[in-house]
Amino acid sequence: MSRGGRGGGLLIAGTTSDAGKSVVTAGICRWLVRRGVKVAPFKGQNMSLNSFVTREGAEIGRAQAMQAQAARVEPTALMNPVLLKPGGDRTSQVVLMGRPVGEMSARGYFGSGPSAEPRPGEASAGRTPHGREALLGPVLECLERLRGTYDAVICEGAGSPAEINLRRTDIVNMGIARAARLPVVVVGDIDRGGVFASFFGTTALLSPEDQGLIAGYLVNKFRGDVSLLEPGLEMLRGLTGRSTFGVLPFRHGLGIDEEDGLRVSMRGAVRESPAAPPYGEDVLRVAVCAVPLMSNFTDVDALAAEPGVVVRFVDRPEELADADLVVVPGTRGTVKALAWLRERGLADALARRAAEGRPVLGICGGYQILGEHIDDEVESRAGAVPGLGLLPVRVRFAREKTLARPVGLALGEAVEGYEIHHGVAEVRGGDTFVSDADGRALDGCRVGAVTGTHWHGALESDAFRRRFLTEVARTAGRRFVPAPGTSFGALREEQLDLLGDLIEEHADTDALMRLIEEGAPEGLPFIPPGAP
């Protein structure tokens, strides 16, 4: 598949956000690796509050880490060179090659505004990128390094390639496709409706040069009889001169890591997971506080994977009443989330739970919120702020971000996780939560039924998760018993195999392979009017 020492490539774009680009990219990666192809994922720029730490200590989007797992390779910063972590509606932290380099407004990043404003101790002014356009070179360099190592690189776009107001500075859709001469397949979510208009309109708003790389389309989340769709696909081919490379059926249970924590948390959404029948007599109810700027809410996926555990996201104090465990998750805005909990009455409800000896778990920013005091001159620059006072912990926000992949022992079981935080916790009492083999404190604090830790992903450690849930059930008076054979890693592999199956069974894999090896077909017709 290599051409002159350079691997093939394909860019998966979408008619909209959430069209299915991430899962299609993961599915293609899994399909290829099962065929013996050495493949890697890539996304030049990702906007997400769900991130992961690679083994070299770099922060990348969770979606790219999941895609790397689909490709059965170790994730690296090369796979997601630019990560934007929203701090609100108009600003984001810019993470370049796995390290934060500053905060930037949307106008400054997407337009020609000023460079990112570095937080104290982050990048110097000389290293801070001057808007998105200046990042095209570094992004392309990462892509070329991957193509020099792998047989194929499957790239994921962002949003829509037809965002005509942002095309000039694009480094993730047609900008990178043009520069790297990548063929593009556009994914459309037919479950939303209007997929034919979306495919046609997306193509027709691109310049002739960009349209020359749009090789065809892929329909996602189809329900019903495909034969009823086929006449429309033929008409679309007649209008655009481009084929549809497959119709992927709608599938429940694809609990693959999501990108957009901001959208979920800011709307105060309540999301409830389906639960398999319990192994014991009772179910266990977990309520997750849907705090603003919620980050790494994927931490609770391992809980939702347990038979008999029902996970829901809540934003009202009365919704905590029947919960056996309340989770205060990570957040990109600890002080903002703390204020939100107080405004909603959730802070008082958490304090009542703690006083009654009912289980509460704080993760990362949630852990910081449960402490006595927060001193933040870095993230919110709010200075000294009192916490909820449920744990004897004082938090000071450091200038440097902690990025690590630690391992240890908790509740007598092996546990591993990853750390992504500016806050440094000074524990002044209580019990240690995570220790090393010699019993020395590594992280976290416990007082009664209230537990806090900076470690994301700890609940993915199966033996620890079962021990923790057994303790929660006992404290809550539930006759819940964790199923002994649940393996979160095995369940994730099953999900990734299902994605590979969707591609293998419902996509034109021969055509996709030709695109990866040979690029976009010559002579694709131009669809007017083109870009303004």
Protein backbone atom coordinates (compact mmCIF):
# COMPACT_ATOMS: atom_id res chain seq x y z
CA MET A 1 0.00 0.00 0.00
CA SER A 2 3.03 2.25 0.32
CA ARG A 3 3.76 4.65 -2.54
CA GLY A 4 7.42 5.57 -2.59
CA GLY A 5 7.76 4.96 1.12
CA ARG A 6 4.59 6.92 1.84
CA GLY A 7 1.45 5.20 3.09
CA GLY A 8 -1.98 5.69 1.56
CA GLY A 9 -4.60 7.90 3.12
CA LEU A 10 -8.27 8.76 3.32
CA LEU A 11 -10.15 11.63 4.96
CA ILE A 12 -13.58 10.98 6.49
CA ALA A 13 -15.57 14.21 6.47
CA GLY A 14 -19.17 14.74 7.56
CA THR A 15 -22.15 16.79 6.53
CA THR A 16 -22.47 17.97 10.17
CA SER A 17 -21.00 17.43 13.59
CA ASP A 18 -22.09 14.07 15.03
CA ALA A 19 -22.65 12.63 11.55
CA GLY A 20 -20.57 9.62 12.58
CA LYS A 21 -17.05 10.56 11.47
CA SER A 22 -15.39 9.23 14.63
CA VAL A 23 -17.04 5.83 14.56
CA VAL A 24 -16.63 5.41 10.80
CA THR A 25 -12.93 6.25 11.12
CA ALA A 26 -12.61 3.72 13.95
CA GLY A 27 -14.52 1.12 11.94
CA ILE A 28 -12.27 1.55 8.91
CA CYS A 29 -9.20 1.28 11.14
CA ARG A 30 -10.47 -1.96 12.67
CA TRP A 31 -11.45 -3.38 9.25
CA LEU A 32 -8.00 -2.58 7.83
CA VAL A 33 -6.00 -3.96 10.74
CA ARG A 34 -7.98 -7.21 10.55
CA ARG A 35 -6.84 -7.42 6.91
CA GLY A 36 -3.22 -7.11 8.00
CA VAL A 37 -2.83 -3.44 7.09
CA LYS A 38 -0.67 -1.36 9.41
CA VAL A 39 -2.97 1.63 9.96
CA ALA A 40 -3.11 4.73 12.15
CA PRO A 41 -5.84 7.33 12.83
CA PHE A 42 -5.31 11.08 12.52
CA LYS A 43 -7.24 14.25 13.27
CA GLY A 44 -5.41 17.49 12.66
CA GLN A 45 -7.54 19.54 15.03
CA ASN A 46 -10.00 18.29 17.60
CA MET A 47 -12.32 20.31 19.86
CA SER A 48 -13.21 18.21 22.87
CA LEU A 49 -13.32 18.13 26.64
CA ASN A 50 -12.79 14.37 26.57
CA SER A 51 -9.05 13.83 26.39
CA PHE A 52 -6.49 11.11 27.08
CA VAL A 53 -2.83 10.95 28.06
CA THR A 54 -0.45 8.97 25.86
CA ARG A 55 2.44 6.98 27.28
CA GLU A 56 4.84 9.78 26.42
CA GLY A 57 2.73 12.16 28.53
CA ALA A 58 0.91 14.00 25.72
CA GLU A 59 -2.75 15.03 25.86
CA ILE A 60 -4.90 14.08 22.85
CA GLY A 61 -8.61 13.65 22.17
CA ARG A 62 -10.28 10.53 23.56
CA ALA A 63 -11.73 9.79 20.12
CA GLN A 64 -8.24 9.47 18.62
CA ALA A 65 -7.13 7.23 21.50
CA MET A 66 -10.18 5.04 20.80
CA GLN A 67 -9.37 4.98 17.08
CA ALA A 68 -5.79 3.98 17.87
CA GLN A 69 -7.17 1.10 19.90
CA ALA A 70 -9.31 0.16 16.91
CA ALA A 71 -6.12 0.15 14.81
CA ARG A 72 -4.32 -1.84 17.55
CA VAL A 73 -1.54 0.73 17.86
CA GLU A 74 -0.35 2.89 20.74
CA PRO A 75 -1.80 6.42 20.57
CA THR A 76 0.66 9.29 20.17
CA ALA A 77 0.52 13.08 19.89
CA LEU A 78 1.12 12.76 16.14
CA MET A 79 -2.44 11.44 15.80
CA ASN A 80 -4.01 14.64 17.18
CA PRO A 81 -1.50 17.52 17.00
CA VAL A 82 -4.02 20.26 17.87
CA LEU A 83 -6.60 19.86 20.63
CA LEU A 84 -8.93 22.68 21.65
CA LYS A 85 -10.47 22.42 25.13
CA PRO A 86 -13.38 24.86 25.46
CA GLY A 87 -13.42 27.07 28.53
CA GLY A 88 -16.74 28.65 27.55
CA ASP A 89 -18.62 29.67 24.45
CA ARG A 90 -15.81 31.85 23.05
CA THR A 91 -12.46 30.69 24.41
CA SER A 92 -10.47 27.46 24.41
CA GLN A 93 -7.22 26.16 25.76
CA VAL A 94 -4.96 25.31 22.82
CA VAL A 95 -3.04 22.05 23.25
CA LEU A 96 -0.27 21.68 20.67
CA MET A 97 1.53 18.34 20.32
CA GLY A 98 0.09 17.24 23.63
CA ARG A 99 1.03 20.32 25.69
CA PRO A 100 -1.06 23.40 26.54
CA VAL A 101 0.28 26.58 24.93
CA GLY A 102 -2.35 29.09 26.01
CA GLU A 103 -5.93 30.30 25.86
CA MET A 104 -7.36 31.73 22.66
CA SER A 105 -10.61 33.33 21.60
CA ALA A 106 -12.55 31.87 18.68
CA ARG A 107 -11.86 35.02 16.67
CA GLY A 108 -8.15 34.81 17.38
CA TYR A 109 -7.95 31.13 16.48
CA PHE A 110 -10.17 30.92 13.41
CA GLY A 111 -9.54 34.41 12.12
CA SER A 112 -6.55 36.69 11.98
CA GLY A 113 -6.78 37.92 15.55
CA PRO A 114 -4.04 38.03 18.16
CA SER A 115 -2.07 34.99 19.16
CA ALA A 116 -3.07 32.81 22.06
CA GLU A 117 -2.61 34.41 25.44
CA PRO A 118 -0.34 32.09 27.41
CA ARG A 119 -1.27 31.21 30.96
CA PRO A 120 1.58 31.78 33.41
CA GLY A 121 4.09 28.99 33.02
CA GLU A 122 2.70 27.72 29.70
CA ALA A 123 4.16 28.60 26.32
CA SER A 124 6.26 31.68 25.82
CA ALA A 125 5.02 34.28 23.37
CA GLY A 126 7.50 33.01 20.81
CA ARG A 127 6.05 29.50 20.87
CA THR A 128 2.37 30.45 20.88
CA PRO A 129 0.75 29.89 17.49
CA HIS A 130 -0.71 32.91 15.68
CA GLY A 131 -4.10 31.51 14.77
CA ARG A 132 -5.12 28.32 13.06
CA GLU A 133 -3.61 29.12 9.66
CA ALA A 134 -0.09 29.00 11.11
CA LEU A 135 -0.67 25.45 12.31
CA LEU A 136 -1.16 23.88 8.88
CA GLY A 137 2.58 23.20 8.50
CA PRO A 138 2.99 21.38 11.86
CA VAL A 139 -0.23 19.43 11.27
CA LEU A 140 0.90 18.29 7.82
CA GLU A 141 4.29 17.34 9.22
CA CYS A 142 2.59 15.03 11.75
CA LEU A 143 0.49 13.47 9.00
CA GLU A 144 3.54 12.89 6.80
CA ARG A 145 5.42 11.28 9.68
CA LEU A 146 2.54 8.87 10.20
CA ARG A 147 2.34 8.13 6.47
CA GLY A 148 6.06 7.36 6.52
CA THR A 149 5.49 4.76 9.24
CA TYR A 150 2.11 3.19 8.43
CA ASP A 151 0.63 1.54 5.35
CA ALA A 152 -2.46 3.74 5.66
CA VAL A 153 -3.60 6.75 7.68
CA ILE A 154 -7.34 7.29 8.13
CA CYS A 155 -8.01 10.95 8.87
CA GLU A 156 -11.10 12.35 10.53
CA GLY A 157 -12.44 15.77 9.64
CA ALA A 158 -14.30 18.14 11.96
CA GLY A 159 -17.74 19.64 11.64
CA SER A 160 -18.47 20.11 7.93
CA PRO A 161 -15.98 20.66 5.10
CA ALA A 162 -18.38 23.27 3.68
CA GLU A 163 -17.95 25.79 6.50
CA ILE A 164 -17.21 28.49 3.94
CA ASN A 165 -16.51 31.16 6.55
CA LEU A 166 -13.60 29.09 7.92
CA ARG A 167 -12.19 27.55 4.74
CA ARG A 168 -9.26 29.96 4.38
CA THR A 169 -7.65 28.80 7.62
CA ASP A 170 -8.82 25.17 7.54
CA ILE A 171 -6.35 22.58 8.85
CA VAL A 172 -8.68 19.62 9.45
CA ASN A 173 -10.99 19.22 6.45
CA MET A 174 -10.34 20.29 2.84
CA GLY A 175 -7.28 22.32 3.82
CA ILE A 176 -5.41 19.20 4.81
CA ALA A 177 -7.02 17.10 2.04
CA ARG A 178 -5.77 19.57 -0.58
CA ALA A 179 -2.31 19.88 0.89
CA ALA A 180 -1.85 16.11 1.30
CA ARG A 181 -3.87 15.12 -1.79
CA LEU A 182 -6.22 12.93 0.24
CA PRO A 183 -9.43 11.49 -1.20
CA VAL A 184 -12.48 12.43 0.87
CA VAL A 185 -15.57 10.41 1.76
CA VAL A 186 -18.44 12.44 3.22
CA VAL A 187 -20.57 10.77 5.94
CA GLY A 188 -24.20 11.78 6.42
CA ASP A 189 -26.53 10.88 9.31
CA ILE A 190 -29.76 9.82 7.61
CA ASP A 191 -31.47 9.46 10.99
CA ARG A 192 -31.62 13.27 11.11
CA GLY A 193 -33.27 13.53 7.71
CA GLY A 194 -32.22 15.57 4.68
CA VAL A 195 -29.20 13.45 3.87
CA PHE A 196 -29.46 13.85 0.07
CA ALA A 197 -29.64 17.64 0.31
CA SER A 198 -26.74 17.56 2.79
CA PHE A 199 -24.54 15.50 0.48
CA PHE A 200 -25.36 17.65 -2.56
CA GLY A 201 -25.09 20.97 -0.72
CA THR A 202 -21.82 20.04 0.97
CA THR A 203 -20.27 19.24 -2.40
CA ALA A 204 -21.75 22.23 -4.24
CA LEU A 205 -20.38 24.76 -1.71
CA LEU A 206 -16.78 23.70 -2.31
CA SER A 207 -14.32 25.14 -4.80
CA PRO A 208 -13.52 23.14 -7.94
CA GLU A 209 -10.17 22.12 -6.47
CA ASP A 210 -11.82 20.88 -3.27
CA GLN A 211 -14.62 19.14 -5.14
CA GLY A 212 -12.00 17.24 -7.12
CA LEU A 213 -11.14 15.35 -3.91
CA ILE A 214 -14.72 14.50 -2.84
CA ALA A 215 -14.77 10.89 -4.00
CA GLY A 216 -18.22 9.95 -2.71
CA TYR A 217 -20.53 9.46 0.23
CA LEU A 218 -21.38 7.09 3.06
CA VAL A 219 -24.85 6.94 4.62
CA ASN A 220 -24.87 6.37 8.38
CA LYS A 221 -27.59 5.25 10.86
CA PHE A 222 -30.08 3.93 8.31
CA ARG A 223 -33.24 2.22 9.58
CA GLY A 224 -35.44 0.19 7.27
CA ASP A 225 -35.30 -1.39 3.84
CA VAL A 226 -32.20 -0.33 1.88
CA SER A 227 -33.97 -1.06 -1.41
CA LEU A 228 -36.22 1.94 -0.76
CA LEU A 229 -33.15 4.15 -0.49
CA GLU A 230 -31.37 2.90 -3.59
CA PRO A 231 -33.30 5.03 -6.16
CA GLY A 232 -32.27 8.15 -4.24
CA LEU A 233 -28.66 7.05 -4.23
CA GLU A 234 -28.78 6.57 -8.00
CA MET A 235 -30.29 10.04 -8.44
CA LEU A 236 -27.57 11.47 -6.21
CA ARG A 237 -24.95 9.79 -8.40
CA GLY A 238 -26.59 11.31 -11.47
CA LEU A 239 -26.55 14.79 -9.89
CA THR A 240 -23.01 14.67 -8.52
CA GLY A 241 -21.16 12.02 -10.54
CA ARG A 242 -20.14 10.41 -7.24
CA SER A 243 -20.91 7.02 -5.74
CA THR A 244 -22.25 6.18 -2.31
CA PHE A 245 -19.79 3.72 -0.78
CA GLY A 246 -22.21 2.11 1.64
CA VAL A 247 -25.27 2.38 3.84
CA LEU A 248 -24.46 1.65 7.49
CA PRO A 249 -27.43 0.46 9.55
CA PHE A 250 -28.42 2.05 12.84
CA ARG A 251 -26.94 0.11 15.77
CA HIS A 252 -27.70 0.46 19.47
CA GLY A 253 -24.99 0.03 22.07
CA LEU A 254 -22.06 1.66 20.28
CA GLY A 255 -20.81 3.27 23.50
CA ILE A 256 -17.76 4.74 21.79
CA ASP A 257 -16.07 7.78 23.33
CA GLU A 258 -17.81 11.02 22.47
CA GLU A 259 -16.03 14.27 21.74
CA ASP A 260 -18.44 17.02 22.66
CA GLY A 261 -18.65 17.21 26.43
CA LEU A 262 -19.52 20.91 26.21
CA ARG A 263 -22.73 20.28 24.29
CA VAL A 264 -23.90 17.60 26.69
CA SER A 265 -23.11 19.39 29.92
CA MET A 266 -24.10 22.95 29.06
CA ARG A 267 -27.62 21.96 28.11
CA GLY A 268 -28.12 20.26 31.47
CA ALA A 269 -29.07 17.09 29.65
CA VAL A 270 -30.22 13.96 31.42
CA ARG A 271 -28.83 10.89 29.71
CA GLU A 272 -29.71 7.47 31.03
CA SER A 273 -27.91 4.29 30.11
CA PRO A 274 -29.72 1.02 29.43
CA ALA A 275 -28.82 -1.57 32.05
CA ALA A 276 -28.52 -5.31 31.63
CA PRO A 277 -30.39 -7.36 34.26
CA PRO A 278 -28.56 -7.31 37.60
CA TYR A 279 -26.40 -10.23 38.66
CA GLY A 280 -27.76 -9.86 42.20
CA GLU A 281 -31.26 -8.96 43.39
CA ASP A 282 -31.07 -5.16 43.10
CA VAL A 283 -29.94 -2.60 40.57
CA LEU A 284 -27.51 0.13 41.56
CA ARG A 285 -28.41 3.71 40.60
CA VAL A 286 -25.63 6.17 39.76
CA ALA A 287 -26.34 9.89 39.30
CA VAL A 288 -23.69 11.99 37.55
CA CYS A 289 -23.89 15.75 38.13
CA ALA A 290 -23.96 17.33 34.64
CA VAL A 291 -21.65 20.19 35.59
CA PRO A 292 -20.72 22.93 33.11
CA LEU A 293 -17.69 22.18 30.91
CA MET A 294 -17.89 18.54 31.95
CA SER A 295 -14.74 16.73 30.85
CA ASN A 296 -14.01 13.03 30.50
CA PHE A 297 -17.55 11.99 31.32
CA THR A 298 -16.41 8.74 29.69
CA ASP A 299 -15.12 7.87 33.18
CA VAL A 300 -18.57 6.49 34.01
CA ASP A 301 -18.79 4.28 30.90
CA ALA A 302 -17.25 1.43 32.89
CA LEU A 303 -20.01 1.77 35.50
CA ALA A 304 -22.69 1.71 32.80
CA ALA A 305 -21.13 -1.47 31.39
CA GLU A 306 -21.83 -3.35 34.63
CA PRO A 307 -25.03 -5.47 34.55
CA GLY A 308 -27.57 -3.90 36.88
CA VAL A 309 -25.91 -0.46 37.08
CA VAL A 310 -28.06 2.39 35.79
CA VAL A 311 -26.18 5.64 35.05
CA ARG A 312 -28.00 8.91 34.47
CA PHE A 313 -26.83 12.52 34.14
CA VAL A 314 -28.74 14.91 36.39
CA ASP A 315 -29.02 18.64 37.05
CA ARG A 316 -31.57 18.91 39.90
CA PRO A 317 -31.10 18.11 43.62
CA GLU A 318 -34.22 15.93 43.82
CA GLU A 319 -32.64 13.60 41.28
CA LEU A 320 -30.01 12.63 43.84
CA ALA A 321 -32.60 11.31 46.29
CA ASP A 322 -32.78 7.73 44.98
CA ALA A 323 -29.16 7.53 43.82
CA ASP A 324 -26.96 4.94 45.48
CA LEU A 325 -23.84 6.73 44.23
CA VAL A 326 -23.41 10.34 43.11
CA VAL A 327 -20.46 11.17 40.87
CA VAL A 328 -19.12 14.72 40.55
CA PRO A 329 -17.15 14.39 37.29
CA GLY A 330 -14.21 16.21 35.83
CA THR A 331 -14.64 19.71 34.46
CA ARG A 332 -12.60 22.23 32.52
CA GLY A 333 -14.04 24.94 34.80
CA THR A 334 -13.77 23.84 38.44
CA VAL A 335 -14.79 27.17 39.94
CA LYS A 336 -17.62 27.61 37.44
CA ALA A 337 -18.89 24.09 38.15
CA LEU A 338 -18.73 24.74 41.89
CA ALA A 339 -20.85 27.89 41.50
CA TRP A 340 -23.32 25.95 39.32
CA LEU A 341 -23.70 23.24 41.98
CA ARG A 342 -24.48 25.91 44.55
CA GLU A 343 -26.92 27.77 42.32
CA ARG A 344 -28.82 24.57 41.52
CA GLY A 345 -29.05 23.39 45.12
CA LEU A 346 -26.91 20.37 44.30
CA ALA A 347 -24.16 21.49 46.69
CA ASP A 348 -26.56 21.32 49.64
CA ALA A 349 -27.83 17.92 48.45
CA LEU A 350 -24.25 16.62 48.31
CA ALA A 351 -23.56 17.92 51.81
CA ARG A 352 -26.67 16.13 53.10
CA ARG A 353 -25.54 12.91 51.45
CA ALA A 354 -22.13 13.16 53.07
CA ALA A 355 -23.69 13.82 56.49
CA GLU A 356 -25.94 10.77 56.05
CA GLY A 357 -22.98 8.55 55.07
CA ARG A 358 -24.22 8.01 51.50
CA PRO A 359 -21.60 7.45 48.75
CA VAL A 360 -20.19 10.35 46.74
CA LEU A 361 -17.27 10.10 44.27
CA GLY A 362 -15.42 13.14 42.92
CA ILE A 363 -13.13 12.70 39.90
CA CYS A 364 -10.46 15.29 38.99
CA GLY A 365 -12.29 18.65 39.01
CA GLY A 366 -15.07 16.95 40.98
CA TYR A 367 -12.48 15.92 43.58
CA GLN A 368 -11.26 19.49 43.83
CA ILE A 369 -14.84 20.73 44.29
CA LEU A 370 -15.35 18.37 47.26
CA GLY A 371 -12.37 19.91 49.08
CA GLU A 372 -12.24 22.76 51.56
CA HIS A 373 -10.51 25.46 49.54
CA ILE A 374 -9.51 26.23 45.95
CA ASP A 375 -6.87 28.79 44.99
CA ASP A 376 -7.15 29.33 41.24
CA GLU A 377 -5.07 31.95 39.47
CA VAL A 378 -4.69 29.78 36.36
CA GLU A 379 -7.96 28.33 35.02
CA SER A 380 -10.63 30.81 36.14
CA ARG A 381 -8.28 33.35 37.80
CA ALA A 382 -10.89 33.63 40.54
CA GLY A 383 -8.35 33.44 43.34
CA ALA A 384 -9.41 31.95 46.67
CA VAL A 385 -12.77 30.15 46.59
CA PRO A 386 -14.28 27.95 49.33
CA GLY A 387 -15.03 24.39 48.25
CA LEU A 388 -17.85 22.17 49.49
CA GLY A 389 -15.79 21.10 52.50
CA LEU A 390 -16.64 17.39 52.24
CA LEU A 391 -12.99 16.33 52.12
CA PRO A 392 -10.00 17.75 54.07
CA VAL A 393 -8.24 18.88 50.92
CA ARG A 394 -6.88 22.24 49.78
CA VAL A 395 -6.29 22.75 46.06
CA ARG A 396 -3.87 25.16 44.43
CA PHE A 397 -3.87 25.52 40.66
CA ALA A 398 -0.32 25.12 39.35
CA ARG A 399 0.96 26.82 36.23
CA GLU A 400 2.08 23.54 34.68
CA LYS A 401 -0.51 20.92 33.81
CA THR A 402 -0.04 17.44 35.27
CA LEU A 403 -0.16 14.82 32.51
CA ALA A 404 0.58 11.28 33.66
CA ARG A 405 -0.35 7.59 33.38
CA PRO A 406 -0.06 6.35 37.00
CA VAL A 407 -0.64 2.90 38.51
CA GLY A 408 -1.26 1.93 42.11
CA LEU A 409 -3.50 0.11 44.59
CA ALA A 410 -6.97 1.12 45.78
CA LEU A 411 -9.23 -0.89 48.08
CA GLY A 412 -6.60 -3.62 47.88
CA GLU A 413 -6.86 -3.95 44.10
CA ALA A 414 -4.58 -2.90 41.25
CA VAL A 415 -5.74 0.29 39.55
CA GLU A 416 -4.42 2.45 36.75
CA GLY A 417 -5.57 5.71 35.25
CA TYR A 418 -4.46 8.97 33.70
CA GLU A 419 -4.12 12.48 35.09
CA ILE A 420 -4.97 15.76 33.32
CA HIS A 421 -5.17 18.69 35.74
CA HIS A 422 -3.71 22.00 36.88
CA GLY A 423 -4.99 21.60 40.44
CA VAL A 424 -2.58 20.26 43.05
CA ALA A 425 -4.25 18.73 46.10
CA GLU A 426 -2.86 19.08 49.61
CA VAL A 427 -4.52 16.34 51.66
CA ARG A 428 -4.82 17.32 55.33
CA GLY A 429 -6.64 14.32 56.78
CA GLY A 430 -8.88 11.39 56.00
CA ASP A 431 -7.65 8.19 54.42
CA THR A 432 -5.50 7.76 51.33
CA PHE A 433 -7.43 6.51 48.31
CA VAL A 434 -4.61 5.27 46.05
CA SER A 435 -1.27 4.04 47.37
CA ASP A 436 1.77 2.24 46.06
CA ALA A 437 2.77 -1.31 46.96
CA ASP A 438 4.46 -0.07 50.15
CA GLY A 439 1.36 1.79 51.30
CA ARG A 440 2.64 5.28 50.48
CA ALA A 441 -0.02 7.74 49.35
CA LEU A 442 -0.24 8.34 45.61
CA ASP A 443 -3.55 10.14 45.15
CA GLY A 444 -6.95 10.97 46.53
CA CYS A 445 -8.72 11.14 49.84
CA ARG A 446 -11.56 9.32 51.64
CA VAL A 447 -13.72 10.42 54.56
CA GLY A 448 -16.61 8.13 55.37
CA ALA A 449 -18.52 7.46 52.16
CA VAL A 450 -17.01 10.45 50.31
CA THR A 451 -14.11 9.67 47.96
CA GLY A 452 -12.05 11.87 45.66
CA THR A 453 -9.33 11.15 43.11
CA HIS A 454 -7.54 12.95 40.30
CA TRP A 455 -7.27 9.71 38.33
CA HIS A 456 -9.44 9.43 35.24
CA GLY A 457 -10.11 5.94 33.93
CA ALA A 458 -9.65 4.21 37.31
CA LEU A 459 -13.07 2.57 37.05
CA GLU A 460 -11.90 0.71 33.93
CA SER A 461 -9.76 -1.49 36.22
CA ASP A 462 -12.16 -4.42 36.60
CA ALA A 463 -11.23 -5.83 40.02
CA PHE A 464 -11.11 -2.37 41.59
CA ARG A 465 -14.44 -1.38 40.02
CA ARG A 466 -16.11 -4.50 41.39
CA ARG A 467 -14.68 -3.92 44.86
CA PHE A 468 -15.76 -0.27 44.80
CA LEU A 469 -19.32 -1.10 43.67
CA THR A 470 -19.60 -3.84 46.30
CA GLU A 471 -18.72 -1.25 48.91
CA VAL A 472 -21.21 1.26 47.48
CA ALA A 473 -23.97 -1.35 47.47
CA ARG A 474 -23.27 -2.32 51.06
CA THR A 475 -23.30 1.31 52.19
CA ALA A 476 -26.49 2.01 50.23
CA GLY A 477 -28.23 -1.11 51.58
CA ARG A 478 -28.69 -2.58 48.10
CA ARG A 479 -28.56 -6.30 47.36
CA PHE A 480 -26.48 -5.58 44.29
CA VAL A 481 -23.68 -7.94 43.33
CA PRO A 482 -21.19 -7.05 40.56
CA ALA A 483 -21.11 -9.64 37.80
CA PRO A 484 -17.80 -11.49 38.26
CA GLY A 485 -16.89 -11.78 34.58
CA THR A 486 -17.39 -8.23 33.35
CA SER A 487 -14.30 -7.00 31.51
CA PHE A 488 -14.50 -3.40 30.35
CA GLY A 489 -11.54 -3.91 28.01
CA ALA A 490 -13.20 -6.92 26.39
CA LEU A 491 -16.47 -5.01 25.98
CA ARG A 492 -14.62 -2.15 24.31
CA GLU A 493 -12.96 -4.61 21.93
CA GLU A 494 -16.37 -6.07 21.09
CA GLN A 495 -17.66 -2.59 20.27
CA LEU A 496 -14.68 -1.88 18.04
CA ASP A 497 -15.13 -5.22 16.29
CA LEU A 498 -18.78 -4.32 15.71
CA LEU A 499 -17.65 -1.11 14.01
CA GLY A 500 -15.26 -3.10 11.85
CA ASP A 501 -18.12 -5.47 10.99
CA LEU A 502 -20.33 -2.55 9.94
CA ILE A 503 -17.69 -1.40 7.46
CA GLU A 504 -16.88 -4.89 6.21
CA GLU A 505 -20.52 -5.92 5.76
CA HIS A 506 -22.19 -2.70 4.61
CA ALA A 507 -19.53 -0.60 2.84
CA ASP A 508 -17.91 -1.05 -0.55
CA THR A 509 -14.56 -2.05 0.90
CA ASP A 510 -12.97 -2.66 -2.50
CA ALA A 511 -13.76 0.93 -3.50
CA LEU A 512 -12.49 2.25 -0.16
CA MET A 513 -9.24 0.34 -0.58
CA ARG A 514 -8.76 1.80 -4.06
CA LEU A 515 -9.24 5.30 -2.66
CA ILE A 516 -6.68 4.67 0.10
CA GLU A 517 -4.14 3.26 -2.35
CA GLU A 518 -4.74 5.42 -5.44
CA GLY A 519 -6.41 8.63 -4.28
CA ALA A 520 -9.53 10.31 -5.66
CA PRO A 521 -10.64 9.32 -9.18
CA GLU A 522 -9.70 11.69 -11.99
CA GLY A 523 -12.35 13.75 -13.73
CA LEU A 524 -14.94 14.11 -10.96
CA PRO A 525 -17.48 16.68 -12.16
CA PHE A 526 -17.84 20.17 -10.74
CA ILE A 527 -21.17 20.91 -9.08
CA PRO A 528 -22.14 24.60 -9.20
CA PRO A 529 -22.15 27.13 -7.66
CA GLY A 530 -18.90 26.26 -5.85
CA ALA A 531 -17.35 28.28 -3.07
CA PRO A 532 -18.31 31.99 -2.87
